[in-house]
Full PDB file with SEQRES, HELIX, SHEET, SSBOND, CRYST1, ORIGX, SCALE, CONECT and MASTER records, all heavy atoms in Angstrom:
SEQRES   1 A   34  ARG LEU ALA PRO SER ALA GLU GLN MET ARG PHE ARG ARG          
SEQRES   2 A   34  VAL ALA HIS ASP GLN LEU LYS ALA MET PHE ALA ALA ALA          
SEQRES   3 A   34  GLU ALA ASP ASP VAL GLN LEU VAL                              
HELIX    1 AA1 GLU A    7  MET A    9  5                                   3    
HELIX    2 AA2 ARG A   13  ALA A   28  1                                  16    
CRYST1    1.000    1.000    1.000  90.00  90.00  90.00 P 1           1          
ORIGX1      1.000000  0.000000  0.000000        0.00000                         
ORIGX2      0.000000  1.000000  0.000000        0.00000                         
ORIGX3      0.000000  0.000000  1.000000        0.00000                         
SCALE1      1.000000  0.000000  0.000000        0.00000                         
SCALE2      0.000000  1.000000  0.000000        0.00000                         
SCALE3      0.000000  0.000000  1.000000        0.00000                         
ATOM      1  N   ARG A   1     107.242  84.956  95.271  1.00  0.00           N  
ATOM      2  CA  ARG A   1     106.009  85.627  95.289  1.00  0.00           C  
ATOM      3  C   ARG A   1     105.285  85.842  96.613  1.00  0.00           C  
ATOM      4  O   ARG A   1     104.512  86.777  96.847  1.00  0.00           O  
ATOM      5  CB  ARG A   1     105.041  85.064  94.241  1.00  0.00           C  
ATOM      6  CG  ARG A   1     103.763  85.742  94.056  1.00  0.00           C  
ATOM      7  CD  ARG A   1     102.963  85.017  92.916  1.00  0.00           C  
ATOM      8  NE  ARG A   1     102.516  83.749  93.332  1.00  0.00           N  
ATOM      9  CZ  ARG A   1     101.319  83.482  93.916  1.00  0.00           C  
ATOM     10  NH1 ARG A   1     100.383  84.448  94.190  1.00  0.00           N  
ATOM     11  NH2 ARG A   1     101.041  82.295  94.251  1.00  0.00           N  
ATOM     12  N   LEU A   2     105.330  84.916  97.387  1.00  0.00           N  
ATOM     13  CA  LEU A   2     104.704  84.852  98.739  1.00  0.00           C  
ATOM     14  C   LEU A   2     105.706  84.800  99.814  1.00  0.00           C  
ATOM     15  O   LEU A   2     106.857  84.740  99.790  1.00  0.00           O  
ATOM     16  CB  LEU A   2     103.812  83.684  98.770  1.00  0.00           C  
ATOM     17  CG  LEU A   2     102.667  83.427  97.719  1.00  0.00           C  
ATOM     18  CD1 LEU A   2     101.899  82.164  98.020  1.00  0.00           C  
ATOM     19  CD2 LEU A   2     101.711  84.584  97.746  1.00  0.00           C  
ATOM     20  N   ALA A   3     105.254  84.883 101.052  1.00  0.00           N  
ATOM     21  CA  ALA A   3     106.104  84.802 102.192  1.00  0.00           C  
ATOM     22  C   ALA A   3     106.868  83.560 102.299  1.00  0.00           C  
ATOM     23  O   ALA A   3     106.286  82.392 101.966  1.00  0.00           O  
ATOM     24  CB  ALA A   3     105.242  84.999 103.549  1.00  0.00           C  
ATOM     25  N   PRO A   4     108.017  83.436 102.769  1.00  0.00           N  
ATOM     26  CA  PRO A   4     108.818  82.127 102.687  1.00  0.00           C  
ATOM     27  C   PRO A   4     108.135  80.939 103.476  1.00  0.00           C  
ATOM     28  O   PRO A   4     108.452  79.893 103.284  1.00  0.00           O  
ATOM     29  CB  PRO A   4     110.143  82.651 103.421  1.00  0.00           C  
ATOM     30  CG  PRO A   4     110.225  83.996 103.196  1.00  0.00           C  
ATOM     31  CD  PRO A   4     108.834  84.611 103.276  1.00  0.00           C  
ATOM     32  N   SER A   5     107.232  81.377 104.472  1.00  0.00           N  
ATOM     33  CA  SER A   5     106.600  80.421 105.255  1.00  0.00           C  
ATOM     34  C   SER A   5     105.453  79.689 104.506  1.00  0.00           C  
ATOM     35  O   SER A   5     104.910  78.713 104.978  1.00  0.00           O  
ATOM     36  CB  SER A   5     106.036  80.978 106.537  1.00  0.00           C  
ATOM     37  OG  SER A   5     105.148  82.042 106.224  1.00  0.00           O  
ATOM     38  N   ALA A   6     105.018  80.179 103.373  1.00  0.00           N  
ATOM     39  CA  ALA A   6     103.818  79.686 102.617  1.00  0.00           C  
ATOM     40  C   ALA A   6     104.195  78.260 102.041  1.00  0.00           C  
ATOM     41  O   ALA A   6     105.327  78.065 101.558  1.00  0.00           O  
ATOM     42  CB  ALA A   6     103.465  80.700 101.528  1.00  0.00           C  
ATOM     43  N   GLU A   7     103.333  77.344 102.163  1.00  0.00           N  
ATOM     44  CA  GLU A   7     103.539  76.045 101.641  1.00  0.00           C  
ATOM     45  C   GLU A   7     103.974  75.974 100.178  1.00  0.00           C  
ATOM     46  O   GLU A   7     104.956  75.280  99.692  1.00  0.00           O  
ATOM     47  CB  GLU A   7     102.303  75.208 101.708  1.00  0.00           C  
ATOM     48  CG  GLU A   7     102.383  73.785 101.148  1.00  0.00           C  
ATOM     49  CD  GLU A   7     101.117  73.023 101.205  1.00  0.00           C  
ATOM     50  OE1 GLU A   7     100.696  72.774 102.260  1.00  0.00           O  
ATOM     51  OE2 GLU A   7     100.597  72.560 100.184  1.00  0.00           O  
ATOM     52  N   GLN A   8     103.412  76.958  99.299  1.00  0.00           N  
ATOM     53  CA  GLN A   8     103.890  76.888  97.904  1.00  0.00           C  
ATOM     54  C   GLN A   8     105.175  77.400  97.705  1.00  0.00           C  
ATOM     55  O   GLN A   8     105.743  77.315  96.567  1.00  0.00           O  
ATOM     56  CB  GLN A   8     102.858  77.755  97.137  1.00  0.00           C  
ATOM     57  CG  GLN A   8     101.387  77.216  97.126  1.00  0.00           C  
ATOM     58  CD  GLN A   8     100.387  77.993  96.424  1.00  0.00           C  
ATOM     59  OE1 GLN A   8     100.493  78.153  95.173  1.00  0.00           O  
ATOM     60  NE2 GLN A   8      99.619  78.758  97.174  1.00  0.00           N  
ATOM     61  N   MET A   9     105.836  78.023  98.672  1.00  0.00           N  
ATOM     62  CA  MET A   9     107.214  78.594  98.484  1.00  0.00           C  
ATOM     63  C   MET A   9     108.327  77.561  98.853  1.00  0.00           C  
ATOM     64  O   MET A   9     109.252  77.912  99.523  1.00  0.00           O  
ATOM     65  CB  MET A   9     107.339  79.868  99.275  1.00  0.00           C  
ATOM     66  CG  MET A   9     106.480  80.968  98.871  1.00  0.00           C  
ATOM     67  SD  MET A   9     106.795  81.632  97.107  1.00  0.00           S  
ATOM     68  CE  MET A   9     105.365  80.787  96.220  1.00  0.00           C  
ATOM     69  N   ARG A  10     107.942  76.401  98.606  1.00  0.00           N  
ATOM     70  CA  ARG A  10     109.021  75.169  98.779  1.00  0.00           C  
ATOM     71  C   ARG A  10     109.272  74.517  97.378  1.00  0.00           C  
ATOM     72  O   ARG A  10     108.535  74.460  96.607  1.00  0.00           O  
ATOM     73  CB  ARG A  10     108.592  74.287  99.854  1.00  0.00           C  
ATOM     74  CG  ARG A  10     108.443  74.982 101.350  1.00  0.00           C  
ATOM     75  CD  ARG A  10     108.347  73.906 102.290  1.00  0.00           C  
ATOM     76  NE  ARG A  10     106.939  73.463 102.371  1.00  0.00           N  
ATOM     77  CZ  ARG A  10     106.443  72.410 103.154  1.00  0.00           C  
ATOM     78  NH1 ARG A  10     107.300  71.676 103.872  1.00  0.00           N  
ATOM     79  NH2 ARG A  10     105.213  71.981 103.073  1.00  0.00           N  
ATOM     80  N   PHE A  11     110.469  73.882  97.493  1.00  0.00           N  
ATOM     81  CA  PHE A  11     110.911  73.241  96.296  1.00  0.00           C  
ATOM     82  C   PHE A  11     111.909  72.193  96.650  1.00  0.00           C  
ATOM     83  O   PHE A  11     112.540  72.335  97.761  1.00  0.00           O  
ATOM     84  CB  PHE A  11     111.657  74.276  95.332  1.00  0.00           C  
ATOM     85  CG  PHE A  11     111.775  73.950  93.911  1.00  0.00           C  
ATOM     86  CD1 PHE A  11     110.567  73.591  93.146  1.00  0.00           C  
ATOM     87  CD2 PHE A  11     112.988  73.785  93.305  1.00  0.00           C  
ATOM     88  CE1 PHE A  11     110.591  73.209  91.715  1.00  0.00           C  
ATOM     89  CE2 PHE A  11     113.093  73.434  91.807  1.00  0.00           C  
ATOM     90  CZ  PHE A  11     111.834  73.187  91.222  1.00  0.00           C  
ATOM     91  N   ARG A  12     112.144  71.178  95.933  1.00  0.00           N  
ATOM     92  CA  ARG A  12     113.007  70.113  96.305  1.00  0.00           C  
ATOM     93  C   ARG A  12     114.461  70.488  96.149  1.00  0.00           C  
ATOM     94  O   ARG A  12     115.009  71.240  95.210  1.00  0.00           O  
ATOM     95  CB  ARG A  12     112.916  68.897  95.405  1.00  0.00           C  
ATOM     96  CG  ARG A  12     111.727  68.102  95.722  1.00  0.00           C  
ATOM     97  CD  ARG A  12     111.623  66.820  95.022  1.00  0.00           C  
ATOM     98  NE  ARG A  12     112.736  65.922  95.479  1.00  0.00           N  
ATOM     99  CZ  ARG A  12     112.880  64.700  94.832  1.00  0.00           C  
ATOM    100  NH1 ARG A  12     112.099  64.197  94.059  1.00  0.00           N  
ATOM    101  NH2 ARG A  12     114.004  64.090  95.296  1.00  0.00           N  
ATOM    102  N   ARG A  13     115.223  70.192  97.244  1.00  0.00           N  
ATOM    103  CA  ARG A  13     116.729  70.553  97.387  1.00  0.00           C  
ATOM    104  C   ARG A  13     117.474  70.010  96.126  1.00  0.00           C  
ATOM    105  O   ARG A  13     118.382  70.688  95.620  1.00  0.00           O  
ATOM    106  CB  ARG A  13     117.250  70.058  98.609  1.00  0.00           C  
ATOM    107  CG  ARG A  13     118.754  70.375  98.958  1.00  0.00           C  
ATOM    108  CD  ARG A  13     119.223  69.704 100.201  1.00  0.00           C  
ATOM    109  NE  ARG A  13     118.530  70.012 101.356  1.00  0.00           N  
ATOM    110  CZ  ARG A  13     118.815  71.203 102.036  1.00  0.00           C  
ATOM    111  NH1 ARG A  13     119.906  72.004 101.705  1.00  0.00           N  
ATOM    112  NH2 ARG A  13     118.161  71.448 103.116  1.00  0.00           N  
ATOM    113  N   VAL A  14     117.187  68.876  95.662  1.00  0.00           N  
ATOM    114  CA  VAL A  14     117.783  68.222  94.593  1.00  0.00           C  
ATOM    115  C   VAL A  14     117.931  69.037  93.253  1.00  0.00           C  
ATOM    116  O   VAL A  14     118.830  69.001  92.512  1.00  0.00           O  
ATOM    117  CB  VAL A  14     117.401  66.798  94.313  1.00  0.00           C  
ATOM    118  CG1 VAL A  14     115.926  66.908  93.643  1.00  0.00           C  
ATOM    119  CG2 VAL A  14     118.288  65.979  93.379  1.00  0.00           C  
ATOM    120  N   ALA A  15     116.864  69.950  93.135  1.00  0.00           N  
ATOM    121  CA  ALA A  15     116.828  70.726  91.957  1.00  0.00           C  
ATOM    122  C   ALA A  15     117.125  72.244  92.328  1.00  0.00           C  
ATOM    123  O   ALA A  15     117.203  73.100  91.364  1.00  0.00           O  
ATOM    124  CB  ALA A  15     115.370  70.725  91.379  1.00  0.00           C  
ATOM    125  N   HIS A  16     117.374  72.545  93.599  1.00  0.00           N  
ATOM    126  CA  HIS A  16     117.613  73.991  94.083  1.00  0.00           C  
ATOM    127  C   HIS A  16     118.762  74.596  93.355  1.00  0.00           C  
ATOM    128  O   HIS A  16     118.602  75.840  92.921  1.00  0.00           O  
ATOM    129  CB  HIS A  16     117.752  74.054  95.532  1.00  0.00           C  
ATOM    130  CG  HIS A  16     117.969  75.435  96.107  1.00  0.00           C  
ATOM    131  ND1 HIS A  16     119.156  75.805  96.507  1.00  0.00           N  
ATOM    132  CD2 HIS A  16     117.060  76.422  96.118  1.00  0.00           C  
ATOM    133  CE1 HIS A  16     119.027  77.130  96.976  1.00  0.00           C  
ATOM    134  NE2 HIS A  16     117.868  77.479  96.605  1.00  0.00           N  
ATOM    135  N   ASP A  17     119.987  73.838  93.272  1.00  0.00           N  
ATOM    136  CA  ASP A  17     121.087  74.625  92.756  1.00  0.00           C  
ATOM    137  C   ASP A  17     120.816  75.092  91.240  1.00  0.00           C  
ATOM    138  O   ASP A  17     121.320  76.177  90.917  1.00  0.00           O  
ATOM    139  CB  ASP A  17     122.288  73.739  92.783  1.00  0.00           C  
ATOM    140  CG  ASP A  17     122.819  73.559  94.116  1.00  0.00           C  
ATOM    141  OD1 ASP A  17     122.385  74.233  95.123  1.00  0.00           O  
ATOM    142  OD2 ASP A  17     123.687  72.657  94.402  1.00  0.00           O  
ATOM    143  N   GLN A  18     120.185  74.204  90.452  1.00  0.00           N  
ATOM    144  CA  GLN A  18     119.992  74.734  89.109  1.00  0.00           C  
ATOM    145  C   GLN A  18     118.939  75.781  88.918  1.00  0.00           C  
ATOM    146  O   GLN A  18     119.074  76.612  88.238  1.00  0.00           O  
ATOM    147  CB  GLN A  18     119.551  73.376  88.256  1.00  0.00           C  
ATOM    148  CG  GLN A  18     120.606  72.553  88.072  1.00  0.00           C  
ATOM    149  CD  GLN A  18     121.851  73.061  87.409  1.00  0.00           C  
ATOM    150  OE1 GLN A  18     121.736  73.938  86.462  1.00  0.00           O  
ATOM    151  NE2 GLN A  18     123.097  72.739  87.866  1.00  0.00           N  
ATOM    152  N   LEU A  19     117.911  75.629  89.902  1.00  0.00           N  
ATOM    153  CA  LEU A  19     116.921  76.799  90.033  1.00  0.00           C  
ATOM    154  C   LEU A  19     117.496  78.079  90.322  1.00  0.00           C  
ATOM    155  O   LEU A  19     117.348  79.104  89.646  1.00  0.00           O  
ATOM    156  CB  LEU A  19     115.855  76.493  90.992  1.00  0.00           C  
ATOM    157  CG  LEU A  19     114.738  77.516  91.234  1.00  0.00           C  
ATOM    158  CD1 LEU A  19     113.759  77.334  90.170  1.00  0.00           C  
ATOM    159  CD2 LEU A  19     114.101  77.394  92.640  1.00  0.00           C  
ATOM    160  N   LYS A  20     118.490  78.118  91.333  1.00  0.00           N  
ATOM    161  CA  LYS A  20     119.134  79.442  91.721  1.00  0.00           C  
ATOM    162  C   LYS A  20     120.038  79.845  90.523  1.00  0.00           C  
ATOM    163  O   LYS A  20     120.060  80.951  90.278  1.00  0.00           O  
ATOM    164  CB  LYS A  20     119.915  79.051  92.954  1.00  0.00           C  
ATOM    165  CG  LYS A  20     120.587  80.240  93.642  1.00  0.00           C  
ATOM    166  CD  LYS A  20     121.230  79.970  94.983  1.00  0.00           C  
ATOM    167  CE  LYS A  20     121.763  81.267  95.521  1.00  0.00           C  
ATOM    168  NZ  LYS A  20     122.396  81.005  96.839  1.00  0.00           N  
ATOM    169  N   ALA A  21     120.670  78.944  89.863  1.00  0.00           N  
ATOM    170  CA  ALA A  21     121.621  79.298  88.834  1.00  0.00           C  
ATOM    171  C   ALA A  21     120.744  79.990  87.688  1.00  0.00           C  
ATOM    172  O   ALA A  21     121.299  80.943  87.078  1.00  0.00           O  
ATOM    173  CB  ALA A  21     122.395  78.106  88.338  1.00  0.00           C  
ATOM    174  N   MET A  22     119.680  79.277  87.502  1.00  0.00           N  
ATOM    175  CA  MET A  22     118.718  79.915  86.321  1.00  0.00           C  
ATOM    176  C   MET A  22     118.304  81.315  86.668  1.00  0.00           C  
ATOM    177  O   MET A  22     118.260  82.122  85.809  1.00  0.00           O  
ATOM    178  CB  MET A  22     117.549  79.003  86.166  1.00  0.00           C  
ATOM    179  CG  MET A  22     116.710  79.371  84.939  1.00  0.00           C  
ATOM    180  SD  MET A  22     115.428  78.083  84.500  1.00  0.00           S  
ATOM    181  CE  MET A  22     114.525  78.116  86.100  1.00  0.00           C  
ATOM    182  N   PHE A  23     117.921  81.555  87.769  1.00  0.00           N  
ATOM    183  CA  PHE A  23     117.446  82.874  88.272  1.00  0.00           C  
ATOM    184  C   PHE A  23     118.539  83.903  88.187  1.00  0.00           C  
ATOM    185  O   PHE A  23     118.313  85.030  87.769  1.00  0.00           O  
ATOM    186  CB  PHE A  23     116.853  82.842  89.704  1.00  0.00           C  
ATOM    187  CG  PHE A  23     115.380  82.395  89.778  1.00  0.00           C  
ATOM    188  CD1 PHE A  23     114.941  81.266  89.176  1.00  0.00           C  
ATOM    189  CD2 PHE A  23     114.509  83.379  90.418  1.00  0.00           C  
ATOM    190  CE1 PHE A  23     113.598  80.998  89.347  1.00  0.00           C  
ATOM    191  CE2 PHE A  23     113.116  82.982  90.470  1.00  0.00           C  
ATOM    192  CZ  PHE A  23     112.695  81.747  89.896  1.00  0.00           C  
ATOM    193  N   ALA A  24     119.655  83.422  88.628  1.00  0.00           N  
ATOM    194  CA  ALA A  24     120.976  84.328  88.477  1.00  0.00           C  
ATOM    195  C   ALA A  24     121.355  84.664  87.037  1.00  0.00           C  
ATOM    196  O   ALA A  24     121.607  85.793  86.735  1.00  0.00           O  
ATOM    197  CB  ALA A  24     122.189  83.680  89.255  1.00  0.00           C  
ATOM    198  N   ALA A  25     121.100  83.699  86.198  1.00  0.00           N  
ATOM    199  CA  ALA A  25     121.483  83.896  84.754  1.00  0.00           C  
ATOM    200  C   ALA A  25     120.463  84.853  84.124  1.00  0.00           C  
ATOM    201  O   ALA A  25     120.908  85.727  83.374  1.00  0.00           O  
ATOM    202  CB  ALA A  25     121.471  82.564  83.995  1.00  0.00           C  
ATOM    203  N   ALA A  26     119.224  84.673  84.423  1.00  0.00           N  
ATOM    204  CA  ALA A  26     118.238  85.653  83.903  1.00  0.00           C  
ATOM    205  C   ALA A  26     118.387  87.062  84.450  1.00  0.00           C  
ATOM    206  O   ALA A  26     118.369  88.025  83.728  1.00  0.00           O  
ATOM    207  CB  ALA A  26     116.859  85.220  84.396  1.00  0.00           C  
ATOM    208  N   GLU A  27     118.845  87.125  85.829  1.00  0.00           N  
ATOM    209  CA  GLU A  27     119.213  88.390  86.272  1.00  0.00           C  
ATOM    210  C   GLU A  27     120.347  89.102  85.607  1.00  0.00           C  
ATOM    211  O   GLU A  27     120.304  90.268  85.372  1.00  0.00           O  
ATOM    212  CB  GLU A  27     119.537  88.322  87.771  1.00  0.00           C  
ATOM    213  CG  GLU A  27     119.702  89.577  88.580  1.00  0.00           C  
ATOM    214  CD  GLU A  27     118.418  90.191  89.051  1.00  0.00           C  
ATOM    215  OE1 GLU A  27     117.383  89.379  89.294  1.00  0.00           O  
ATOM    216  OE2 GLU A  27     118.264  91.449  89.075  1.00  0.00           O  
ATOM    217  N   ALA A  28     121.398  88.212  85.117  1.00  0.00           N  
ATOM    218  CA  ALA A  28     122.426  88.837  84.407  1.00  0.00           C  
ATOM    219  C   ALA A  28     122.039  89.396  83.130  1.00  0.00           C  
ATOM    220  O   ALA A  28     122.696  90.168  82.562  1.00  0.00           O  
ATOM    221  CB  ALA A  28     123.546  87.742  84.264  1.00  0.00           C  
ATOM    222  N   ASP A  29     120.957  88.780  82.546  1.00  0.00           N  
ATOM    223  CA  ASP A  29     120.442  89.336  81.254  1.00  0.00           C  
ATOM    224  C   ASP A  29     119.342  90.342  81.577  1.00  0.00           C  
ATOM    225  O   ASP A  29     118.477  90.656  80.508  1.00  0.00           O  
ATOM    226  CB  ASP A  29     119.786  88.075  80.463  1.00  0.00           C  
ATOM    227  CG  ASP A  29     120.905  87.238  79.912  1.00  0.00           C  
ATOM    228  OD1 ASP A  29     122.095  87.625  79.798  1.00  0.00           O  
ATOM    229  OD2 ASP A  29     120.528  86.031  79.651  1.00  0.00           O  
ATOM    230  N   ASP A  30     119.293  91.010  82.695  1.00  0.00           N  
ATOM    231  CA  ASP A  30     118.248  92.044  83.031  1.00  0.00           C  
ATOM    232  C   ASP A  30     116.770  91.553  83.045  1.00  0.00           C  
ATOM    233  O   ASP A  30     115.979  92.268  82.617  1.00  0.00           O  
ATOM    234  CB  ASP A  30     118.511  93.276  82.168  1.00  0.00           C  
ATOM    235  CG  ASP A  30     119.858  93.944  82.363  1.00  0.00           C  
ATOM    236  OD1 ASP A  30     120.311  93.975  83.500  1.00  0.00           O  
ATOM    237  OD2 ASP A  30     120.339  94.454  81.265  1.00  0.00           O  
ATOM    238  N   VAL A  31     116.735  90.328  83.311  1.00  0.00           N  
ATOM    239  CA  VAL A  31     115.344  89.584  83.447  1.00  0.00           C  
ATOM    240  C   VAL A  31     115.253  89.091  84.915  1.00  0.00           C  
ATOM    241  O   VAL A  31     115.826  88.329  85.348  1.00  0.00           O  
ATOM    242  CB  VAL A  31     115.149  88.517  82.489  1.00  0.00           C  
ATOM    243  CG1 VAL A  31     113.801  87.919  82.719  1.00  0.00           C  
ATOM    244  CG2 VAL A  31     115.259  88.935  81.102  1.00  0.00           C  
ATOM    245  N   GLN A  32     114.109  89.774  85.560  1.00  0.00           N  
ATOM    246  CA  GLN A  32     113.909  89.354  86.913  1.00  0.00           C  
ATOM    247  C   GLN A  32     112.719  88.215  87.016  1.00  0.00           C  
ATOM    248  O   GLN A  32     111.664  88.617  86.676  1.00  0.00           O  
ATOM    249  CB  GLN A  32     113.567  90.613  87.750  1.00  0.00           C  
ATOM    250  CG  GLN A  32     114.572  91.567  87.999  1.00  0.00           C  
ATOM    251  CD  GLN A  32     114.080  92.733  88.718  1.00  0.00           C  
ATOM    252  OE1 GLN A  32     113.015  93.163  88.821  1.00  0.00           O  
ATOM    253  NE2 GLN A  32     115.087  93.324  89.552  1.00  0.00           N  
ATOM    254  N   LEU A  33     113.231  87.140  87.447  1.00  0.00           N  
ATOM    255  CA  LEU A  33     112.227  85.942  87.534  1.00  0.00           C  
ATOM    256  C   LEU A  33     111.697  85.980  88.929  1.00  0.00           C  
ATOM    257  O   LEU A  33     112.344  86.339  89.948  1.00  0.00           O  
ATOM    258  CB  LEU A  33     112.849  84.579  87.245  1.00  0.00           C  
ATOM    259  CG  LEU A  33     113.395  84.363  85.906  1.00  0.00           C  
ATOM    260  CD1 LEU A  33     114.049  83.125  85.636  1.00  0.00           C  
ATOM    261  CD2 LEU A  33     112.195  84.412  84.797  1.00  0.00           C  
ATOM    262  N   VAL A  34     110.472  85.490  89.089  1.00  0.00           N  
ATOM    263  CA  VAL A  34     109.994  85.280  90.411  1.00  0.00           C  
ATOM    264  C   VAL A  34     109.406  83.882  90.594  1.00  0.00           C  
ATOM    265  O   VAL A  34     108.667  83.440  89.636  1.00  0.00           O  
ATOM    266  CB  VAL A  34     108.702  86.348  90.689  1.00  0.00           C  
ATOM    267  CG1 VAL A  34     108.042  86.086  92.000  1.00  0.00           C  
ATOM    268  CG2 VAL A  34     109.270  87.757  90.766  1.00  0.00           C  
TER     269      VAL A  34                                                      
MASTER        0    0    0    2    0    0    0    6  268    1    0    3          
END                                                                             
């Protein structure tokens, strides 16, 4: 939602792979998550 440099645009690496997989699965169902 914000610029990559914004503090709120960070997340823990340990959860990143599942976050990315979830966004990709939603995209495959024609749902764009932000």
